[in-house]
Amino acid sequence: MELHQCHALLTGASGGIGFALADQLASAGAHLLLVARQTEKLEPLTQRFPGQVQLVRADLTQASGRRDVADAASRFVGFNCLINAAGINQFRLLAQQDEDAIAEMMNLNVTAALQLTHRLLPQLQENDNALVVNVGSTFGSIGYPGFAAYCASKFALRGFSEALRRELADSGVRVLYVAPRATRTGMNGRSVVAMNEQLRVAMDAPHQVARRILTAIQRERDELYIGWPEKLFVRINSLFPQLVSQSLHKQLPIIQRYARHDS
């Protein structure tokens, strides 16, 4: 999909990867309908790109919020790309997590993405060439200590993407699943950053991730795994999971220490 022909509805636009995506898409000539709970941060984009950027304030965890977004999408001329980038994370051992916090994470990371896609799919199917982009994570393929609930949500999103891609194989709608590695966003607090530094885990800047996603949109890829050696670990985990388990077991005391500190 040529970016200047892209008319994208982007969720999670006010933070991290979502904001970087919005900035780079608009700069490339795309027309955007940006969705966020708080839209104040996005106002400068409407001023920098007049006529290209529209805003919708909505809580995607609520049916009323998804309905508002769908109503806005019905008036969004040329709508041909849905980017599900909204999500939250919590670095904490499962036994220490709050039950309501787990439910909130699953509701936004999984249920909201599925339900919004369900609402908007008929409109996307009116196009000869349309795209659904689901922003997942390397942790959607590798279960990692301290991120059990988050991994569950991203495993679900990856499975949803795979199934929907196969379901729409005879249509003009393509489904892209993007799996960034650790990224320096507000979702990853100081404990995560400190742990990654000690374990020598690389972290990308949001604009680097966004640039890779834009290229994947242009090429209409099915999957994009960002980062080396993370993409290798994904392959090893799918073939020889015990090897990854042994490696993570050695790191477990460090992970536990930072996860408890984060709580």
Protein backbone atom coordinates (compact mmCIF):
# COMPACT_ATOMS: atom_id res chain seq x y z
CA MET A 1 0.00 0.00 0.00
CA GLU A 2 1.42 3.37 -0.99
CA LEU A 3 1.51 5.58 2.08
CA HIS A 4 0.03 8.61 0.33
CA GLN A 5 -2.96 6.40 -0.52
CA CYS A 6 -3.28 5.16 3.06
CA HIS A 7 -6.33 6.34 5.01
CA ALA A 8 -5.63 4.83 8.41
CA LEU A 9 -7.56 4.63 11.64
CA LEU A 10 -4.90 4.36 14.35
CA THR A 11 -5.61 3.47 17.98
CA GLY A 12 -3.22 4.19 20.83
CA ALA A 13 -2.07 7.25 18.91
CA SER A 14 -1.12 9.42 21.89
CA GLY A 15 1.82 7.40 23.18
CA GLY A 16 4.94 5.47 22.30
CA ILE A 17 4.87 3.57 19.04
CA GLY A 18 1.40 4.90 18.18
CA PHE A 19 2.46 8.54 18.31
CA ALA A 20 5.59 7.84 16.27
CA LEU A 21 3.46 6.00 13.72
CA ALA A 22 1.03 8.91 13.47
CA ASP A 23 3.85 11.40 12.93
CA GLN A 24 5.61 9.34 10.27
CA LEU A 25 2.44 8.33 8.44
CA ALA A 26 1.26 11.92 8.22
CA SER A 27 4.70 13.02 7.07
CA ALA A 28 4.49 10.42 4.29
CA GLY A 29 1.17 11.84 3.08
CA ALA A 30 -1.27 9.45 4.72
CA HIS A 31 -4.67 10.61 5.98
CA LEU A 32 -5.31 9.67 9.59
CA LEU A 33 -8.14 9.20 12.04
CA LEU A 34 -6.36 9.08 15.39
CA VAL A 35 -8.00 7.48 18.42
CA ALA A 36 -6.94 8.07 22.03
CA ARG A 37 -8.45 8.50 25.47
CA GLN A 38 -6.67 11.85 25.76
CA THR A 39 -6.27 13.73 22.48
CA GLU A 40 -4.49 16.87 23.73
CA LYS A 41 -1.07 15.50 22.80
CA LEU A 42 -2.30 14.96 19.25
CA GLU A 43 -3.54 18.51 18.63
CA PRO A 44 -0.15 19.67 17.24
CA LEU A 45 -0.43 17.00 14.53
CA THR A 46 -3.73 18.46 13.34
CA GLN A 47 -2.00 21.84 13.06
CA ARG A 48 1.10 20.48 11.29
CA PHE A 49 -0.96 18.43 8.84
CA PRO A 50 -4.18 20.37 8.20
CA GLY A 51 -6.75 18.33 6.32
CA GLN A 52 -4.82 15.11 6.91
CA VAL A 53 -5.38 14.38 10.60
CA GLN A 54 -8.65 13.97 12.49
CA LEU A 55 -9.04 13.07 16.17
CA VAL A 56 -11.48 10.89 18.07
CA ARG A 57 -11.54 10.79 21.87
CA ALA A 58 -12.73 7.34 22.95
CA ASP A 59 -12.26 4.62 25.54
CA LEU A 60 -11.91 1.43 23.49
CA THR A 61 -12.58 -0.78 26.49
CA GLN A 62 -16.18 0.44 26.44
CA ALA A 63 -18.74 -0.57 23.82
CA SER A 64 -19.84 3.07 23.65
CA GLY A 65 -16.27 4.12 22.86
CA ARG A 66 -15.95 1.56 20.07
CA ARG A 67 -19.30 2.68 18.73
CA ASP A 68 -18.07 6.29 18.62
CA VAL A 69 -14.98 5.21 16.71
CA ALA A 70 -17.04 3.19 14.24
CA ASP A 71 -19.32 6.20 13.67
CA ALA A 72 -16.29 8.38 12.98
CA ALA A 73 -14.86 5.74 10.63
CA SER A 74 -18.10 5.70 8.64
CA ARG A 75 -17.46 9.39 7.84
CA PHE A 76 -13.73 8.89 7.19
CA VAL A 77 -13.49 9.07 3.42
CA GLY A 78 -11.25 6.43 1.84
CA PHE A 79 -10.78 4.39 5.03
CA ASN A 80 -8.61 1.42 4.02
CA CYS A 81 -6.27 0.69 6.95
CA LEU A 82 -6.92 -0.18 10.60
CA ILE A 83 -3.92 -0.09 12.93
CA ASN A 84 -4.56 -1.59 16.38
CA ALA A 85 -1.72 -0.11 18.43
CA ALA A 86 -3.48 0.59 21.73
CA GLY A 87 -2.18 -1.45 24.63
CA ILE A 88 -0.89 -1.48 28.19
CA ASN A 89 1.70 -3.51 30.05
CA GLN A 90 2.62 -4.35 33.61
CA PHE A 91 5.92 -5.88 34.71
CA ARG A 92 5.09 -7.89 37.79
CA LEU A 93 5.07 -11.49 38.97
CA LEU A 94 1.59 -12.91 38.43
CA ALA A 95 1.07 -13.68 42.13
CA GLN A 96 1.61 -9.98 42.88
CA GLN A 97 -0.71 -8.62 40.21
CA ASP A 98 -4.08 -7.12 40.94
CA GLU A 99 -7.02 -9.01 39.49
CA ASP A 100 -8.63 -5.86 38.13
CA ALA A 101 -5.35 -4.82 36.50
CA ILE A 102 -5.16 -8.16 34.70
CA ALA A 103 -8.73 -7.75 33.46
CA GLU A 104 -8.00 -4.20 32.27
CA MET A 105 -4.96 -5.37 30.32
CA MET A 106 -6.80 -8.21 28.60
CA ASN A 107 -9.74 -5.95 27.85
CA LEU A 108 -7.65 -3.33 26.06
CA ASN A 109 -4.95 -5.50 24.51
CA VAL A 110 -7.25 -8.25 23.25
CA THR A 111 -10.98 -7.66 23.54
CA ALA A 112 -10.95 -4.05 22.34
CA ALA A 113 -8.80 -4.90 19.31
CA LEU A 114 -11.03 -7.83 18.31
CA GLN A 115 -14.27 -5.97 18.88
CA LEU A 116 -13.13 -2.86 17.04
CA THR A 117 -11.88 -4.92 14.10
CA HIS A 118 -15.22 -6.72 14.06
CA ARG A 119 -17.08 -3.42 13.86
CA LEU A 120 -14.87 -1.96 11.13
CA LEU A 121 -14.27 -5.02 8.98
CA PRO A 122 -17.35 -4.60 6.76
CA GLN A 123 -16.19 -1.11 5.84
CA LEU A 124 -12.66 -2.34 5.09
CA GLN A 125 -14.05 -5.13 2.91
CA GLU A 126 -15.60 -2.54 0.61
CA ASN A 127 -12.05 -1.85 -0.65
CA ASP A 128 -10.15 -3.85 -3.25
CA ASN A 129 -7.02 -3.31 -1.18
CA ALA A 130 -7.20 -2.80 2.60
CA LEU A 131 -5.04 -3.64 5.59
CA VAL A 132 -5.44 -4.55 9.26
CA VAL A 133 -2.26 -4.02 11.28
CA ASN A 134 -2.07 -5.54 14.77
CA VAL A 135 0.84 -4.35 16.91
CA GLY A 136 1.88 -7.24 19.11
CA SER A 137 5.20 -8.10 20.71
CA THR A 138 8.05 -10.58 20.74
CA PHE A 139 6.33 -11.67 23.96
CA GLY A 140 3.45 -12.84 21.77
CA SER A 141 5.71 -15.74 20.80
CA ILE A 142 7.95 -16.18 23.85
CA GLY A 143 6.52 -16.55 27.35
CA TYR A 144 8.69 -14.39 29.60
CA PRO A 145 8.76 -14.33 33.41
CA GLY A 146 7.31 -11.18 34.93
CA PHE A 147 5.04 -10.62 31.92
CA ALA A 148 2.66 -13.59 32.16
CA ALA A 149 -0.56 -11.60 31.67
CA TYR A 150 0.97 -9.38 29.00
CA CYS A 151 2.30 -12.43 27.15
CA ALA A 152 -1.18 -13.99 27.32
CA SER A 153 -2.67 -10.91 25.67
CA LYS A 154 -0.09 -10.77 22.90
CA PHE A 155 -0.22 -14.53 22.24
CA ALA A 156 -3.97 -14.00 21.78
CA LEU A 157 -3.45 -11.08 19.41
CA ARG A 158 -0.99 -13.10 17.33
CA GLY A 159 -3.45 -16.00 17.10
CA PHE A 160 -6.25 -13.61 16.15
CA SER A 161 -4.09 -12.11 13.41
CA GLU A 162 -3.18 -15.51 11.99
CA ALA A 163 -6.77 -16.76 12.00
CA LEU A 164 -8.20 -13.57 10.52
CA ARG A 165 -5.54 -13.55 7.77
CA ARG A 166 -6.60 -17.04 6.75
CA GLU A 167 -10.28 -16.14 7.04
CA LEU A 168 -9.83 -13.19 4.67
CA ALA A 169 -7.47 -14.94 2.24
CA ASP A 170 -9.97 -14.67 -0.61
CA SER A 171 -10.69 -10.99 0.01
CA GLY A 172 -8.87 -7.73 -0.57
CA VAL A 173 -8.08 -7.30 3.14
CA ARG A 174 -4.56 -8.23 4.26
CA VAL A 175 -3.65 -8.76 7.93
CA LEU A 176 -0.22 -7.74 9.22
CA TYR A 177 1.05 -8.80 12.64
CA VAL A 178 3.95 -6.70 13.96
CA ALA A 179 6.10 -7.94 16.85
CA PRO A 180 8.44 -5.26 18.24
CA ARG A 181 11.05 -6.20 20.80
CA ALA A 182 11.53 -4.13 23.96
CA THR A 183 10.85 -0.47 23.17
CA ARG A 184 11.60 2.69 25.15
CA THR A 185 8.05 3.79 25.81
CA GLY A 186 6.10 4.83 28.88
CA MET A 187 4.80 1.25 29.18
CA ASN A 188 8.25 0.08 30.22
CA GLY A 189 9.16 1.63 33.54
CA ARG A 190 12.53 2.12 35.19
CA SER A 191 12.66 -1.44 36.52
CA VAL A 192 12.24 -2.89 33.03
CA VAL A 193 14.91 -0.57 31.63
CA ALA A 194 17.32 -1.43 34.46
CA MET A 195 16.68 -5.15 34.09
CA ASN A 196 17.22 -5.02 30.33
CA GLU A 197 20.46 -3.13 30.82
CA GLN A 198 21.75 -5.76 33.25
CA LEU A 199 20.65 -8.61 30.95
CA ARG A 200 21.99 -6.73 27.91
CA VAL A 201 18.63 -6.71 26.20
CA ALA A 202 18.44 -4.07 23.48
CA MET A 203 15.60 -1.55 23.47
CA ASP A 204 14.47 0.31 20.37
CA ALA A 205 13.23 3.88 20.16
CA PRO A 206 9.58 4.27 19.07
CA HIS A 207 10.54 6.08 15.86
CA GLN A 208 12.74 3.14 14.84
CA VAL A 209 9.85 0.72 15.30
CA ALA A 210 7.46 3.03 13.46
CA ARG A 211 9.81 3.26 10.49
CA ARG A 212 9.90 -0.53 10.20
CA ILE A 213 6.10 -0.73 10.40
CA LEU A 214 5.72 1.82 7.61
CA THR A 215 7.94 -0.28 5.38
CA ALA A 216 5.88 -3.38 6.21
CA ILE A 217 2.68 -1.50 5.32
CA GLN A 218 4.16 -0.47 1.98
CA ARG A 219 5.16 -4.06 1.24
CA GLU A 220 1.89 -5.47 2.65
CA ARG A 221 3.72 -8.11 4.66
CA ASP A 222 1.94 -10.74 6.71
CA GLU A 223 4.33 -10.66 9.67
CA LEU A 224 7.13 -8.48 10.92
CA TYR A 225 9.40 -9.45 13.82
CA ILE A 226 11.68 -6.60 14.82
CA GLY A 227 15.13 -7.04 16.32
CA TRP A 228 18.03 -9.44 16.32
CA PRO A 229 18.56 -11.86 18.08
CA GLU A 230 14.93 -11.66 19.24
CA LYS A 231 13.55 -12.98 15.94
CA LEU A 232 16.00 -15.89 16.21
CA PHE A 233 14.80 -16.63 19.75
CA VAL A 234 11.22 -16.72 18.45
CA ARG A 235 12.19 -19.38 15.94
CA ILE A 236 14.17 -21.38 18.51
CA ASN A 237 11.29 -21.15 21.01
CA SER A 238 8.88 -22.59 18.44
CA LEU A 239 11.18 -25.52 17.64
CA PHE A 240 13.13 -26.13 20.86
CA PRO A 241 11.30 -24.38 23.71
CA GLN A 242 13.28 -26.21 26.36
CA LEU A 243 16.46 -24.43 25.24
CA VAL A 244 14.79 -21.07 25.82
CA SER A 245 13.43 -22.27 29.16
CA GLN A 246 16.91 -23.23 30.29
CA SER A 247 18.30 -19.85 29.26
CA LEU A 248 15.54 -17.94 31.05
CA HIS A 249 15.91 -20.10 34.16
CA LYS A 250 19.45 -18.75 34.53
CA GLN A 251 18.11 -15.20 34.34
CA LEU A 252 15.18 -15.84 36.67
CA PRO A 253 16.73 -14.47 39.90
CA ILE A 254 17.49 -11.16 38.17
CA ILE A 255 14.02 -10.99 36.62
CA GLN A 256 12.34 -11.78 39.95
CA ARG A 257 14.34 -9.12 41.77
CA TYR A 258 13.36 -6.35 39.36
CA ALA A 259 9.75 -7.53 39.11
CA ARG A 260 9.35 -7.42 42.89
CA HIS A 261 10.99 -4.01 43.01
CA ASP A 262 8.58 -2.75 40.34
CA SER A 263 5.62 -3.78 42.47
